[in-house]
Amino acid sequence: QQAIICQVCREPISPDRLDVFPSAKRC
C-alpha cells in the first residue's frame, strides 16, 4: 500500500505509528 502522508509536513507516517493509531493524520 502507498504510504499515508502527514497533513502538516507531507512526510510519510511510519507504519509502526499506523499500527497503533490506524486513523492517524499526522506523524
mmCIF file of all heavy atoms, coordinates in Angstrom:
data_MODEL
# 
_entry.id   MODEL 
# 
loop_
_atom_site.group_PDB 
_atom_site.id 
_atom_site.type_symbol 
_atom_site.label_atom_id 
_atom_site.label_alt_id 
_atom_site.label_comp_id 
_atom_site.label_asym_id 
_atom_site.label_entity_id 
_atom_site.label_seq_id 
_atom_site.pdbx_PDB_ins_code 
_atom_site.Cartn_x 
_atom_site.Cartn_y 
_atom_site.Cartn_z 
_atom_site.occupancy 
_atom_site.B_iso_or_equiv 
_atom_site.pdbx_formal_charge 
_atom_site.auth_seq_id 
_atom_site.auth_comp_id 
_atom_site.auth_asym_id 
_atom_site.auth_atom_id 
_atom_site.pdbx_PDB_model_num 
ATOM 1   N N   . GLN A 1 1  ? 0.829  -1.195 0.000  1.00 0.00 ? 1  GLN A N   1 
ATOM 2   C CA  . GLN A 1 1  ? 0.000  0.000  0.000  1.00 0.00 ? 1  GLN A CA  1 
ATOM 3   C C   . GLN A 1 1  ? 0.871  1.256  0.000  1.00 0.00 ? 1  GLN A C   1 
ATOM 4   O O   . GLN A 1 1  ? 1.992  1.248  0.488  1.00 0.00 ? 1  GLN A O   1 
ATOM 5   C CB  . GLN A 1 1  ? -0.900 0.029  1.230  1.00 0.00 ? 1  GLN A CB  1 
ATOM 6   C CG  . GLN A 1 1  ? -2.029 -0.946 1.141  1.00 0.00 ? 1  GLN A CG  1 
ATOM 7   C CD  . GLN A 1 1  ? -2.963 -0.825 2.320  1.00 0.00 ? 1  GLN A CD  1 
ATOM 8   O OE1 . GLN A 1 1  ? -2.671 -0.103 3.263  1.00 0.00 ? 1  GLN A OE1 1 
ATOM 9   N NE2 . GLN A 1 1  ? -4.074 -1.518 2.268  1.00 0.00 ? 1  GLN A NE2 1 
ATOM 10  N N   . GLN A 1 2  ? 0.322  2.320  -0.531 1.00 0.00 ? 2  GLN A N   1 
ATOM 11  C CA  . GLN A 1 2  ? 1.039  3.582  -0.543 1.00 0.00 ? 2  GLN A CA  1 
ATOM 12  C C   . GLN A 1 2  ? 1.103  4.144  0.865  1.00 0.00 ? 2  GLN A C   1 
ATOM 13  O O   . GLN A 1 2  ? 0.230  3.901  1.687  1.00 0.00 ? 2  GLN A O   1 
ATOM 14  C CB  . GLN A 1 2  ? 0.347  4.580  -1.453 1.00 0.00 ? 2  GLN A CB  1 
ATOM 15  C CG  . GLN A 1 2  ? 0.438  4.205  -2.905 1.00 0.00 ? 2  GLN A CG  1 
ATOM 16  C CD  . GLN A 1 2  ? -0.227 5.237  -3.779 1.00 0.00 ? 2  GLN A CD  1 
ATOM 17  O OE1 . GLN A 1 2  ? -1.051 6.014  -3.326 1.00 0.00 ? 2  GLN A OE1 1 
ATOM 18  N NE2 . GLN A 1 2  ? 0.123  5.242  -5.041 1.00 0.00 ? 2  GLN A NE2 1 
ATOM 19  N N   . ALA A 1 3  ? 2.151  4.894  1.119  1.00 0.00 ? 3  ALA A N   1 
ATOM 20  C CA  . ALA A 1 3  ? 2.330  5.489  2.442  1.00 0.00 ? 3  ALA A CA  1 
ATOM 21  C C   . ALA A 1 3  ? 1.266  6.551  2.685  1.00 0.00 ? 3  ALA A C   1 
ATOM 22  O O   . ALA A 1 3  ? 0.833  7.248  1.780  1.00 0.00 ? 3  ALA A O   1 
ATOM 23  C CB  . ALA A 1 3  ? 3.709  6.113  2.545  1.00 0.00 ? 3  ALA A CB  1 
ATOM 24  N N   . ILE A 1 4  ? 0.849  6.660  3.933  1.00 0.00 ? 4  ILE A N   1 
ATOM 25  C CA  . ILE A 1 4  ? -0.084 7.718  4.318  1.00 0.00 ? 4  ILE A CA  1 
ATOM 26  C C   . ILE A 1 4  ? 0.755  8.942  4.678  1.00 0.00 ? 4  ILE A C   1 
ATOM 27  O O   . ILE A 1 4  ? 1.711  8.848  5.442  1.00 0.00 ? 4  ILE A O   1 
ATOM 28  C CB  . ILE A 1 4  ? -0.972 7.264  5.486  1.00 0.00 ? 4  ILE A CB  1 
ATOM 29  C CG1 . ILE A 1 4  ? -1.853 6.107  5.017  1.00 0.00 ? 4  ILE A CG1 1 
ATOM 30  C CG2 . ILE A 1 4  ? -1.806 8.417  6.000  1.00 0.00 ? 4  ILE A CG2 1 
ATOM 31  C CD1 . ILE A 1 4  ? -2.736 5.528  6.070  1.00 0.00 ? 4  ILE A CD1 1 
ATOM 32  N N   . ILE A 1 5  ? 0.401  10.075 4.122  1.00 0.00 ? 5  ILE A N   1 
ATOM 33  C CA  . ILE A 1 5  ? 1.182  11.298 4.237  1.00 0.00 ? 5  ILE A CA  1 
ATOM 34  C C   . ILE A 1 5  ? 0.666  12.146 5.398  1.00 0.00 ? 5  ILE A C   1 
ATOM 35  O O   . ILE A 1 5  ? -0.539 12.297 5.580  1.00 0.00 ? 5  ILE A O   1 
ATOM 36  C CB  . ILE A 1 5  ? 1.100  12.105 2.926  1.00 0.00 ? 5  ILE A CB  1 
ATOM 37  C CG1 . ILE A 1 5  ? 1.512  11.249 1.731  1.00 0.00 ? 5  ILE A CG1 1 
ATOM 38  C CG2 . ILE A 1 5  ? 1.933  13.365 2.989  1.00 0.00 ? 5  ILE A CG2 1 
ATOM 39  C CD1 . ILE A 1 5  ? 2.932  10.778 1.757  1.00 0.00 ? 5  ILE A CD1 1 
ATOM 40  N N   . CYS A 1 6  ? 1.589  12.716 6.167  1.00 0.00 ? 6  CYS A N   1 
ATOM 41  C CA  . CYS A 1 6  ? 1.252  13.626 7.261  1.00 0.00 ? 6  CYS A CA  1 
ATOM 42  C C   . CYS A 1 6  ? 0.598  14.881 6.682  1.00 0.00 ? 6  CYS A C   1 
ATOM 43  O O   . CYS A 1 6  ? 1.063  15.426 5.678  1.00 0.00 ? 6  CYS A O   1 
ATOM 44  C CB  . CYS A 1 6  ? 2.513  13.991 8.039  1.00 0.00 ? 6  CYS A CB  1 
ATOM 45  S SG  . CYS A 1 6  ? 2.268  15.224 9.334  1.00 0.00 ? 6  CYS A SG  1 
ATOM 46  N N   . GLN A 1 7  ? -0.470 15.357 7.310  1.00 0.00 ? 7  GLN A N   1 
ATOM 47  C CA  . GLN A 1 7  ? -1.177 16.537 6.828  1.00 0.00 ? 7  GLN A CA  1 
ATOM 48  C C   . GLN A 1 7  ? -0.351 17.808 6.950  1.00 0.00 ? 7  GLN A C   1 
ATOM 49  O O   . GLN A 1 7  ? -0.572 18.757 6.212  1.00 0.00 ? 7  GLN A O   1 
ATOM 50  C CB  . GLN A 1 7  ? -2.466 16.747 7.622  1.00 0.00 ? 7  GLN A CB  1 
ATOM 51  C CG  . GLN A 1 7  ? -3.548 15.773 7.322  1.00 0.00 ? 7  GLN A CG  1 
ATOM 52  C CD  . GLN A 1 7  ? -4.783 16.030 8.168  1.00 0.00 ? 7  GLN A CD  1 
ATOM 53  O OE1 . GLN A 1 7  ? -4.714 16.679 9.203  1.00 0.00 ? 7  GLN A OE1 1 
ATOM 54  N NE2 . GLN A 1 7  ? -5.912 15.506 7.724  1.00 0.00 ? 7  GLN A NE2 1 
ATOM 55  N N   . VAL A 1 8  ? 0.602  17.819 7.863  1.00 0.00 ? 8  VAL A N   1 
ATOM 56  C CA  . VAL A 1 8  ? 1.343  19.046 8.130  1.00 0.00 ? 8  VAL A CA  1 
ATOM 57  C C   . VAL A 1 8  ? 2.647  19.098 7.349  1.00 0.00 ? 8  VAL A C   1 
ATOM 58  O O   . VAL A 1 8  ? 2.883  19.994 6.555  1.00 0.00 ? 8  VAL A O   1 
ATOM 59  C CB  . VAL A 1 8  ? 1.608  19.192 9.642  1.00 0.00 ? 8  VAL A CB  1 
ATOM 60  C CG1 . VAL A 1 8  ? 2.414  20.427 9.932  1.00 0.00 ? 8  VAL A CG1 1 
ATOM 61  C CG2 . VAL A 1 8  ? 0.295  19.228 10.402 1.00 0.00 ? 8  VAL A CG2 1 
ATOM 62  N N   . CYS A 1 9  ? 3.532  18.113 7.561  1.00 0.00 ? 9  CYS A N   1 
ATOM 63  C CA  . CYS A 1 9  ? 4.871  18.174 6.965  1.00 0.00 ? 9  CYS A CA  1 
ATOM 64  C C   . CYS A 1 9  ? 4.985  17.427 5.645  1.00 0.00 ? 9  CYS A C   1 
ATOM 65  O O   . CYS A 1 9  ? 6.022  17.474 5.000  1.00 0.00 ? 9  CYS A O   1 
ATOM 66  C CB  . CYS A 1 9  ? 5.911  17.647 7.953  1.00 0.00 ? 9  CYS A CB  1 
ATOM 67  S SG  . CYS A 1 9  ? 5.767  15.881 8.297  1.00 0.00 ? 9  CYS A SG  1 
ATOM 68  N N   . ARG A 1 10 ? 3.943  16.713 5.240  1.00 0.00 ? 10 ARG A N   1 
ATOM 69  C CA  . ARG A 1 10 ? 3.892  15.979 3.975  1.00 0.00 ? 10 ARG A CA  1 
ATOM 70  C C   . ARG A 1 10 ? 4.924  14.860 3.898  1.00 0.00 ? 10 ARG A C   1 
ATOM 71  O O   . ARG A 1 10 ? 5.328  14.453 2.829  1.00 0.00 ? 10 ARG A O   1 
ATOM 72  C CB  . ARG A 1 10 ? 4.069  16.897 2.776  1.00 0.00 ? 10 ARG A CB  1 
ATOM 73  C CG  . ARG A 1 10 ? 3.053  17.990 2.683  1.00 0.00 ? 10 ARG A CG  1 
ATOM 74  C CD  . ARG A 1 10 ? 1.722  17.444 2.811  1.00 0.00 ? 10 ARG A CD  1 
ATOM 75  N NE  . ARG A 1 10 ? 0.841  17.795 1.723  1.00 0.00 ? 10 ARG A NE  1 
ATOM 76  C CZ  . ARG A 1 10 ? -0.392 17.366 1.680  1.00 0.00 ? 10 ARG A CZ  1 
ATOM 77  N NH1 . ARG A 1 10 ? -0.837 16.598 2.597  1.00 0.00 ? 10 ARG A NH1 1 
ATOM 78  N NH2 . ARG A 1 10 ? -1.176 17.704 0.705  1.00 0.00 ? 10 ARG A NH2 1 
ATOM 79  N N   . GLU A 1 11 ? 5.385  14.352 5.028  1.00 0.00 ? 11 GLU A N   1 
ATOM 80  C CA  . GLU A 1 11 ? 6.274  13.195 5.089  1.00 0.00 ? 11 GLU A CA  1 
ATOM 81  C C   . GLU A 1 11 ? 5.430  11.956 5.366  1.00 0.00 ? 11 GLU A C   1 
ATOM 82  O O   . GLU A 1 11 ? 4.374  12.050 5.990  1.00 0.00 ? 11 GLU A O   1 
ATOM 83  C CB  . GLU A 1 11 ? 7.314  13.380 6.199  1.00 0.00 ? 11 GLU A CB  1 
ATOM 84  C CG  . GLU A 1 11 ? 8.302  14.499 5.938  1.00 0.00 ? 11 GLU A CG  1 
ATOM 85  C CD  . GLU A 1 11 ? 9.194  14.220 4.752  1.00 0.00 ? 11 GLU A CD  1 
ATOM 86  O OE1 . GLU A 1 11 ? 9.629  13.053 4.589  1.00 0.00 ? 11 GLU A OE1 1 
ATOM 87  O OE2 . GLU A 1 11 ? 9.449  15.143 3.982  1.00 0.00 ? 11 GLU A OE2 1 
ATOM 88  N N   . PRO A 1 12 ? 5.892  10.767 4.937  1.00 0.00 ? 12 PRO A N   1 
ATOM 89  C CA  . PRO A 1 12 ? 5.126  9.552  5.218  1.00 0.00 ? 12 PRO A CA  1 
ATOM 90  C C   . PRO A 1 12 ? 5.056  9.268  6.719  1.00 0.00 ? 12 PRO A C   1 
ATOM 91  O O   . PRO A 1 12 ? 6.029  9.447  7.451  1.00 0.00 ? 12 PRO A O   1 
ATOM 92  C CB  . PRO A 1 12 ? 5.902  8.447  4.513  1.00 0.00 ? 12 PRO A CB  1 
ATOM 93  C CG  . PRO A 1 12 ? 6.813  9.135  3.562  1.00 0.00 ? 12 PRO A CG  1 
ATOM 94  C CD  . PRO A 1 12 ? 7.051  10.509 4.089  1.00 0.00 ? 12 PRO A CD  1 
ATOM 95  N N   . ILE A 1 13 ? 3.890  8.817  7.182  1.00 0.00 ? 13 ILE A N   1 
ATOM 96  C CA  . ILE A 1 13 ? 3.713  8.421  8.574  1.00 0.00 ? 13 ILE A CA  1 
ATOM 97  C C   . ILE A 1 13 ? 4.250  7.003  8.713  1.00 0.00 ? 13 ILE A C   1 
ATOM 98  O O   . ILE A 1 13 ? 3.973  6.150  7.880  1.00 0.00 ? 13 ILE A O   1 
ATOM 99  C CB  . ILE A 1 13 ? 2.230  8.493  8.978  1.00 0.00 ? 13 ILE A CB  1 
ATOM 100 C CG1 . ILE A 1 13 ? 1.715  9.928  8.810  1.00 0.00 ? 13 ILE A CG1 1 
ATOM 101 C CG2 . ILE A 1 13 ? 2.024  8.006  10.395 1.00 0.00 ? 13 ILE A CG2 1 
ATOM 102 C CD1 . ILE A 1 13 ? 0.224  10.076 9.037  1.00 0.00 ? 13 ILE A CD1 1 
ATOM 103 N N   . SER A 1 14 ? 5.016  6.758  9.766  1.00 0.00 ? 14 SER A N   1 
ATOM 104 C CA  . SER A 1 14 ? 5.657  5.450  9.929  1.00 0.00 ? 14 SER A CA  1 
ATOM 105 C C   . SER A 1 14 ? 4.606  4.354  10.106 1.00 0.00 ? 14 SER A C   1 
ATOM 106 O O   . SER A 1 14 ? 3.572  4.564  10.742 1.00 0.00 ? 14 SER A O   1 
ATOM 107 C CB  . SER A 1 14 ? 6.603  5.470  11.129 1.00 0.00 ? 14 SER A CB  1 
ATOM 108 O OG  . SER A 1 14 ? 5.862  5.528  12.319 1.00 0.00 ? 14 SER A OG  1 
ATOM 109 N N   . PRO A 1 15 ? 4.865  3.174  9.546  1.00 0.00 ? 15 PRO A N   1 
ATOM 110 C CA  . PRO A 1 15 ? 3.921  2.055  9.682  1.00 0.00 ? 15 PRO A CA  1 
ATOM 111 C C   . PRO A 1 15 ? 3.707  1.650  11.138 1.00 0.00 ? 15 PRO A C   1 
ATOM 112 O O   . PRO A 1 15 ? 2.618  1.199  11.501 1.00 0.00 ? 15 PRO A O   1 
ATOM 113 C CB  . PRO A 1 15 ? 4.578  0.924  8.896  1.00 0.00 ? 15 PRO A CB  1 
ATOM 114 C CG  . PRO A 1 15 ? 5.540  1.586  7.973  1.00 0.00 ? 15 PRO A CG  1 
ATOM 115 C CD  . PRO A 1 15 ? 5.965  2.841  8.652  1.00 0.00 ? 15 PRO A CD  1 
ATOM 116 N N   . ASP A 1 16 ? 4.732  1.808  11.985 1.00 0.00 ? 16 ASP A N   1 
ATOM 117 C CA  . ASP A 1 16 ? 4.581  1.475  13.399 1.00 0.00 ? 16 ASP A CA  1 
ATOM 118 C C   . ASP A 1 16 ? 3.530  2.369  14.058 1.00 0.00 ? 16 ASP A C   1 
ATOM 119 O O   . ASP A 1 16 ? 2.721  1.907  14.855 1.00 0.00 ? 16 ASP A O   1 
ATOM 120 C CB  . ASP A 1 16 ? 5.912  1.623  14.136 1.00 0.00 ? 16 ASP A CB  1 
ATOM 121 C CG  . ASP A 1 16 ? 6.955  0.649  13.623 1.00 0.00 ? 16 ASP A CG  1 
ATOM 122 O OD1 . ASP A 1 16 ? 6.556  -0.414 13.094 1.00 0.00 ? 16 ASP A OD1 1 
ATOM 123 O OD2 . ASP A 1 16 ? 8.152  0.952  13.747 1.00 0.00 ? 16 ASP A OD2 1 
ATOM 124 N N   . ARG A 1 17 ? 3.548  3.651  13.713 1.00 0.00 ? 17 ARG A N   1 
ATOM 125 C CA  . ARG A 1 17 ? 2.550  4.584  14.263 1.00 0.00 ? 17 ARG A CA  1 
ATOM 126 C C   . ARG A 1 17 ? 1.156  4.225  13.765 1.00 0.00 ? 17 ARG A C   1 
ATOM 127 O O   . ARG A 1 17 ? 0.182  4.268  14.514 1.00 0.00 ? 17 ARG A O   1 
ATOM 128 C CB  . ARG A 1 17 ? 2.902  6.021  13.892 1.00 0.00 ? 17 ARG A CB  1 
ATOM 129 C CG  . ARG A 1 17 ? 1.871  7.038  14.372 1.00 0.00 ? 17 ARG A CG  1 
ATOM 130 C CD  . ARG A 1 17 ? 2.384  8.451  14.241 1.00 0.00 ? 17 ARG A CD  1 
ATOM 131 N NE  . ARG A 1 17 ? 1.370  9.439  14.504 1.00 0.00 ? 17 ARG A NE  1 
ATOM 132 C CZ  . ARG A 1 17 ? 0.920  9.764  15.719 1.00 0.00 ? 17 ARG A CZ  1 
ATOM 133 N NH1 . ARG A 1 17 ? 1.419  9.170  16.782 1.00 0.00 ? 17 ARG A NH1 1 
ATOM 134 N NH2 . ARG A 1 17 ? -0.008 10.686 15.868 1.00 0.00 ? 17 ARG A NH2 1 
ATOM 135 N N   . LEU A 1 18 ? 1.057  3.839  12.488 1.00 0.00 ? 18 LEU A N   1 
ATOM 136 C CA  . LEU A 1 18 ? -0.246 3.484  11.937 1.00 0.00 ? 18 LEU A CA  1 
ATOM 137 C C   . LEU A 1 18 ? -0.780 2.182  12.513 1.00 0.00 ? 18 LEU A C   1 
ATOM 138 O O   . LEU A 1 18 ? -1.992 1.972  12.562 1.00 0.00 ? 18 LEU A O   1 
ATOM 139 C CB  . LEU A 1 18 ? -0.155 3.406  10.415 1.00 0.00 ? 18 LEU A CB  1 
ATOM 140 C CG  . LEU A 1 18 ? 0.063  4.744  9.720  1.00 0.00 ? 18 LEU A CG  1 
ATOM 141 C CD1 . LEU A 1 18 ? 0.327  4.542  8.246  1.00 0.00 ? 18 LEU A CD1 1 
ATOM 142 C CD2 . LEU A 1 18 ? -1.122 5.659  9.933  1.00 0.00 ? 18 LEU A CD2 1 
ATOM 143 N N   . ASP A 1 19 ? 0.113  1.285  12.961 1.00 0.00 ? 19 ASP A N   1 
ATOM 144 C CA  . ASP A 1 19 ? -0.339 0.064  13.625 1.00 0.00 ? 19 ASP A CA  1 
ATOM 145 C C   . ASP A 1 19 ? -1.013 0.394  14.952 1.00 0.00 ? 19 ASP A C   1 
ATOM 146 O O   . ASP A 1 19 ? -2.022 -0.206 15.309 1.00 0.00 ? 19 ASP A O   1 
ATOM 147 C CB  . ASP A 1 19 ? 0.827  -0.889 13.877 1.00 0.00 ? 19 ASP A CB  1 
ATOM 148 C CG  . ASP A 1 19 ? 1.309  -1.551 12.594 1.00 0.00 ? 19 ASP A CG  1 
ATOM 149 O OD1 . ASP A 1 19 ? 0.539  -1.553 11.608 1.00 0.00 ? 19 ASP A OD1 1 
ATOM 150 O OD2 . ASP A 1 19 ? 2.442  -2.064 12.592 1.00 0.00 ? 19 ASP A OD2 1 
ATOM 151 N N   . VAL A 1 20 ? -0.452 1.373  15.667 1.00 0.00 ? 20 VAL A N   1 
ATOM 152 C CA  . VAL A 1 20 ? -1.004 1.764  16.962 1.00 0.00 ? 20 VAL A CA  1 
ATOM 153 C C   . VAL A 1 20 ? -2.216 2.685  16.780 1.00 0.00 ? 20 VAL A C   1 
ATOM 154 O O   . VAL A 1 20 ? -3.238 2.520  17.448 1.00 0.00 ? 20 VAL A O   1 
ATOM 155 C CB  . VAL A 1 20 ? 0.077  2.460  17.822 1.00 0.00 ? 20 VAL A CB  1 
ATOM 156 C CG1 . VAL A 1 20 ? -0.510 2.944  19.136 1.00 0.00 ? 20 VAL A CG1 1 
ATOM 157 C CG2 . VAL A 1 20 ? 1.236  1.519  18.068 1.00 0.00 ? 20 VAL A CG2 1 
ATOM 158 N N   . PHE A 1 21 ? -2.093 3.681  15.884 1.00 0.00 ? 21 PHE A N   1 
ATOM 159 C CA  . PHE A 1 21 ? -3.163 4.643  15.617 1.00 0.00 ? 21 PHE A CA  1 
ATOM 160 C C   . PHE A 1 21 ? -3.541 4.561  14.138 1.00 0.00 ? 21 PHE A C   1 
ATOM 161 O O   . PHE A 1 21 ? -3.011 5.324  13.318 1.00 0.00 ? 21 PHE A O   1 
ATOM 162 C CB  . PHE A 1 21 ? -2.719 6.065  15.949 1.00 0.00 ? 21 PHE A CB  1 
ATOM 163 C CG  . PHE A 1 21 ? -2.257 6.260  17.355 1.00 0.00 ? 21 PHE A CG  1 
ATOM 164 C CD1 . PHE A 1 21 ? -0.909 6.414  17.646 1.00 0.00 ? 21 PHE A CD1 1 
ATOM 165 C CD2 . PHE A 1 21 ? -3.168 6.278  18.393 1.00 0.00 ? 21 PHE A CD2 1 
ATOM 166 C CE1 . PHE A 1 21 ? -0.475 6.593  18.940 1.00 0.00 ? 21 PHE A CE1 1 
ATOM 167 C CE2 . PHE A 1 21 ? -2.744 6.459  19.696 1.00 0.00 ? 21 PHE A CE2 1 
ATOM 168 C CZ  . PHE A 1 21 ? -1.397 6.607  19.971 1.00 0.00 ? 21 PHE A CZ  1 
ATOM 169 N N   . PRO A 1 22 ? -4.442 3.670  13.747 1.00 0.00 ? 22 PRO A N   1 
ATOM 170 C CA  . PRO A 1 22 ? -4.761 3.490  12.322 1.00 0.00 ? 22 PRO A CA  1 
ATOM 171 C C   . PRO A 1 22 ? -5.346 4.727  11.649 1.00 0.00 ? 22 PRO A C   1 
ATOM 172 O O   . PRO A 1 22 ? -5.201 4.902  10.455 1.00 0.00 ? 22 PRO A O   1 
ATOM 173 C CB  . PRO A 1 22 ? -5.781 2.356  12.310 1.00 0.00 ? 22 PRO A CB  1 
ATOM 174 C CG  . PRO A 1 22 ? -5.774 1.765  13.655 1.00 0.00 ? 22 PRO A CG  1 
ATOM 175 C CD  . PRO A 1 22 ? -5.166 2.750  14.592 1.00 0.00 ? 22 PRO A CD  1 
ATOM 176 N N   . SER A 1 23 ? -5.995 5.601  12.397 1.00 0.00 ? 23 SER A N   1 
ATOM 177 C CA  . SER A 1 23 ? -6.598 6.784  11.787 1.00 0.00 ? 23 SER A CA  1 
ATOM 178 C C   . SER A 1 23 ? -5.733 8.032  11.958 1.00 0.00 ? 23 SER A C   1 
ATOM 179 O O   . SER A 1 23 ? -6.234 9.149  11.840 1.00 0.00 ? 23 SER A O   1 
ATOM 180 C CB  . SER A 1 23 ? -7.985 7.031  12.383 1.00 0.00 ? 23 SER A CB  1 
ATOM 181 O OG  . SER A 1 23 ? -7.870 7.292  13.768 1.00 0.00 ? 23 SER A OG  1 
ATOM 182 N N   . ALA A 1 24 ? -4.440 7.845  12.216 1.00 0.00 ? 24 ALA A N   1 
ATOM 183 C CA  . ALA A 1 24 ? -3.539 8.990  12.423 1.00 0.00 ? 24 ALA A CA  1 
ATOM 184 C C   . ALA A 1 24 ? -3.422 9.816  11.148 1.00 0.00 ? 24 ALA A C   1 
ATOM 185 O O   . ALA A 1 24 ? -3.263 9.282  10.060 1.00 0.00 ? 24 ALA A O   1 
ATOM 186 C CB  . ALA A 1 24 ? -2.157 8.503  12.852 1.00 0.00 ? 24 ALA A CB  1 
ATOM 187 N N   . LYS A 1 25 ? -3.509 11.127 11.293 1.00 0.00 ? 25 LYS A N   1 
ATOM 188 C CA  . LYS A 1 25 ? -3.385 12.058 10.173 1.00 0.00 ? 25 LYS A CA  1 
ATOM 189 C C   . LYS A 1 25 ? -2.064 12.815 10.209 1.00 0.00 ? 25 LYS A C   1 
ATOM 190 O O   . LYS A 1 25 ? -1.723 13.498 9.258  1.00 0.00 ? 25 LYS A O   1 
ATOM 191 C CB  . LYS A 1 25 ? -4.522 13.087 10.204 1.00 0.00 ? 25 LYS A CB  1 
ATOM 192 C CG  . LYS A 1 25 ? -5.877 12.487 10.138 1.00 0.00 ? 25 LYS A CG  1 
ATOM 193 C CD  . LYS A 1 25 ? -6.158 12.008 8.768  1.00 0.00 ? 25 LYS A CD  1 
ATOM 194 C CE  . LYS A 1 25 ? -7.594 11.509 8.703  1.00 0.00 ? 25 LYS A CE  1 
ATOM 195 N NZ  . LYS A 1 25 ? -7.828 10.713 7.555  1.00 0.00 ? 25 LYS A NZ  1 
ATOM 196 N N   . ARG A 1 26 ? -1.349 12.721 11.331 1.00 0.00 ? 26 ARG A N   1 
ATOM 197 C CA  . ARG A 1 26 ? -0.081 13.431 11.493 1.00 0.00 ? 26 ARG A CA  1 
ATOM 198 C C   . ARG A 1 26 ? 1.007  12.468 11.931 1.00 0.00 ? 26 ARG A C   1 
ATOM 199 O O   . ARG A 1 26 ? 0.725  11.490 12.620 1.00 0.00 ? 26 ARG A O   1 
ATOM 200 C CB  . ARG A 1 26 ? -0.208 14.532 12.546 1.00 0.00 ? 26 ARG A CB  1 
ATOM 201 C CG  . ARG A 1 26 ? -1.170 15.624 12.168 1.00 0.00 ? 26 ARG A CG  1 
ATOM 202 C CD  . ARG A 1 26 ? -1.227 16.679 13.229 1.00 0.00 ? 26 ARG A CD  1 
ATOM 203 N NE  . ARG A 1 26 ? -2.113 17.763 12.823 1.00 0.00 ? 26 ARG A NE  1 
ATOM 204 C CZ  . ARG A 1 26 ? -2.253 18.866 13.488 1.00 0.00 ? 26 ARG A CZ  1 
ATOM 205 N NH1 . ARG A 1 26 ? -1.589 19.073 14.599 1.00 0.00 ? 26 ARG A NH1 1 
ATOM 206 N NH2 . ARG A 1 26 ? -3.067 19.797 13.061 1.00 0.00 ? 26 ARG A NH2 1 
ATOM 207 N N   . CYS A 1 27 ? 2.245  12.773 11.562 1.00 0.00 ? 27 CYS A N   1 
ATOM 208 C CA  . CYS A 1 27 ? 3.373  11.966 12.026 1.00 0.00 ? 27 CYS A CA  1 
ATOM 209 C C   . CYS A 1 27 ? 3.594  12.247 13.517 1.00 0.00 ? 27 CYS A C   1 
ATOM 210 O O   . CYS A 1 27 ? 3.010  13.171 14.082 1.00 0.00 ? 27 CYS A O   1 
ATOM 211 C CB  . CYS A 1 27 ? 4.624  12.277 11.210 1.00 0.00 ? 27 CYS A CB  1 
ATOM 212 S SG  . CYS A 1 27 ? 5.255  13.947 11.408 1.00 0.00 ? 27 CYS A SG  1 
# 
